[in-house]
Protein backbone atom coordinates (compact mmCIF):
# COMPACT_ATOMS: atom_id res chain seq x y z
CA MET A 1 -13.70 2.04 140.68
CA LEU A 2 -13.29 0.09 137.45
CA LYS A 3 -10.30 2.21 136.40
CA ILE A 4 -8.48 1.48 139.69
CA PHE A 5 -9.15 -2.23 139.26
CA GLN A 6 -7.83 -2.12 135.68
CA ILE A 7 -4.64 -0.39 136.82
CA LEU A 8 -4.12 -2.93 139.60
CA CYS A 9 -4.46 -5.77 137.09
CA LEU A 10 -1.59 -4.49 134.94
CA LYS A 11 1.46 -6.74 135.10
CA HIS A 12 4.56 -5.61 136.95
CA LEU A 13 7.89 -6.60 135.42
CA ASN A 14 11.13 -7.13 137.31
CA ASN A 15 14.46 -6.21 135.71
CA LYS A 16 15.14 -9.77 134.57
CA GLU A 17 11.78 -9.94 132.76
CA ILE A 18 12.43 -6.52 131.19
CA ILE A 19 15.81 -7.63 129.85
CA VAL A 20 14.23 -10.76 128.35
CA LEU A 21 11.59 -8.61 126.60
CA ILE A 22 14.23 -6.18 125.31
CA GLU A 23 16.23 -9.05 123.80
CA LYS A 24 13.21 -11.00 122.52
CA PHE A 25 11.62 -8.01 120.72
CA ASN A 26 14.87 -6.09 119.96
CA LEU A 27 13.57 -3.10 121.93
CA SER A 28 16.92 -1.33 121.70
CA ASN A 29 15.68 -0.46 118.22
CA LEU A 30 13.52 2.68 118.56
CA SER A 31 10.89 1.56 116.02
CA ASN A 32 10.48 -1.78 117.78
CA LEU A 33 10.28 -0.05 121.19
CA ILE A 34 7.59 2.35 120.00
CA SER A 35 5.54 -0.49 118.48
CA PHE A 36 5.92 -2.55 121.64
CA LEU A 37 4.77 0.34 123.84
CA LYS A 38 1.73 1.04 121.69
CA ASP A 39 0.77 -2.63 121.73
CA ASN A 40 1.33 -3.16 125.47
CA LEU A 41 0.13 -0.03 127.27
CA ASP A 42 -2.84 -1.99 128.60
CA LYS A 43 -0.76 -5.01 129.63
CA TYR A 44 2.06 -3.64 131.82
CA ASN A 45 2.02 -1.00 134.55
CA MET A 46 3.57 2.42 134.02
CA ALA A 47 6.51 1.77 136.36
CA SER A 48 7.45 -1.33 134.36
CA LEU A 49 7.13 0.42 131.00
CA SER A 50 9.13 3.39 132.24
CA ASN A 51 11.86 1.08 133.52
CA LEU A 52 11.82 -0.82 130.23
CA VAL A 53 12.32 2.44 128.32
CA GLU A 54 15.26 3.34 130.58
CA ILE A 55 16.97 -0.03 130.20
CA ALA A 56 16.33 -0.27 126.42
CA ASN A 57 17.90 3.14 125.83
CA THR A 58 21.17 2.33 124.04
CA ARG A 59 22.06 6.03 123.97
CA ARG A 60 21.95 6.20 127.77
CA LYS A 61 25.71 6.52 128.26
CA GLN A 62 26.24 8.76 125.26
CA ASN A 63 23.56 11.19 126.49
CA SER A 64 24.43 10.80 130.20
CA ALA A 65 20.88 9.60 130.90
CA TYR A 66 20.36 8.38 134.45
CA PHE A 67 17.34 6.78 136.08
CA THR A 68 15.99 8.68 139.09
CA ASN A 69 14.62 6.28 141.70
CA LYS A 70 11.29 6.84 143.47
CA PHE A 71 12.87 7.74 146.82
CA ILE A 72 14.89 10.59 145.31
CA ILE A 73 11.87 11.78 143.30
CA GLY A 74 9.80 11.78 146.50
CA GLU A 75 12.43 13.81 148.36
CA ILE A 76 12.69 16.35 145.55
CA VAL A 77 8.91 16.73 145.30
CA LYS A 78 8.74 17.50 149.04
CA THR A 79 10.82 20.61 148.35
CA LEU A 80 8.63 21.85 145.49
CA PRO A 81 6.53 24.91 146.36
CA ASN A 82 2.81 24.77 146.98
CA PHE A 83 1.20 27.30 144.68
CA THR A 84 -2.10 29.14 145.06
CA LYS A 85 -1.97 30.69 141.59
CA ASP A 86 -4.43 29.77 138.85
CA THR A 87 -1.66 29.12 136.32
CA ILE A 88 1.89 27.86 136.71
CA THR A 89 4.62 26.81 134.29
CA ILE A 90 6.93 23.91 135.07
CA LEU A 91 10.12 23.23 133.14
CA GLU A 92 11.42 19.64 133.21
CA PRO A 93 14.85 20.07 131.56
CA SER A 94 15.82 16.39 131.34
CA VAL A 95 12.55 14.49 131.26
CA GLY A 96 13.95 11.11 130.19
CA SER A 97 11.21 8.50 130.57
CA GLY A 98 9.04 10.86 132.62
CA ASN A 99 9.50 9.51 136.13
CA PHE A 100 8.63 12.90 137.65
CA LEU A 101 5.42 13.36 135.66
CA PRO A 102 2.95 11.30 137.74
CA ILE A 103 4.10 13.05 140.90
CA LEU A 104 3.80 16.48 139.29
CA PHE A 105 0.30 15.57 138.08
CA LYS A 106 -0.67 14.69 141.64
CA LYS A 107 1.09 17.56 143.42
CA TYR A 108 -0.42 20.24 141.18
CA ALA A 109 -3.85 18.70 140.54
CA HIS A 110 -5.45 21.68 142.33
CA ILE A 111 -3.99 24.27 139.92
CA LYS A 112 -6.42 25.36 137.17
CA GLN A 113 -3.78 25.35 134.43
CA VAL A 114 -0.30 23.83 134.51
CA ILE A 115 1.92 24.50 131.52
CA LEU A 116 4.45 21.70 131.45
CA LYS A 117 7.51 22.17 129.23
CA LEU A 118 9.41 18.93 128.70
CA ILE A 119 12.94 18.97 127.31
CA ASP A 120 15.38 16.17 126.66
CA ILE A 121 18.65 15.85 124.78
CA ASP A 122 17.23 12.78 123.03
CA LYS A 123 14.23 13.64 120.83
CA ALA A 124 13.17 9.99 120.90
CA ASN A 125 12.35 10.35 124.61
CA ILE A 126 9.72 12.98 123.83
CA GLU A 127 8.16 10.69 121.23
CA ILE A 128 8.10 7.84 123.76
CA LEU A 129 6.57 10.07 126.45
CA LYS A 130 3.72 10.97 124.13
CA ILE A 131 2.91 7.26 123.87
CA LEU A 132 3.33 6.48 127.56
CA TYR A 133 1.43 9.43 128.99
CA LEU A 134 -1.11 10.42 126.34
CA LYS A 135 -4.03 8.85 128.23
CA GLN A 136 -2.77 9.93 131.66
CA ILE A 137 -2.32 13.66 131.23
CA PRO A 138 -4.76 15.49 133.53
CA LYS A 139 -7.05 18.07 131.92
CA ASN A 140 -5.39 20.93 133.80
CA PHE A 141 -1.98 20.08 132.27
């Protein structure tokens, strides 16, 4: 119960607030972004931090990185198969800021072992994901 309460107390940021933070802390700089994330994981909710990572990504156009909104993620997840196997492997070929991860964690929580292979054209995204999701990865993943 305490964990749910803690999650609900995390601050949600709108786009305007995110842009102010990006400018104030120069979060377009990868080192600054990583430091900010490490220092603020317990202050802002995951949706806000994920959105901040997306907006701060100055290589977004160069790498053709596009944000996938929750509605589209929800529609895609509806089409994913329901497995009864003990072990499955999932390939996420353009993980970005990891918007699909929480839904995959939930959808396949019943599988004993899920091998999740995350790939992205931008190596920095993988480094950022390790910070964002380290404490949220279920034991079966």
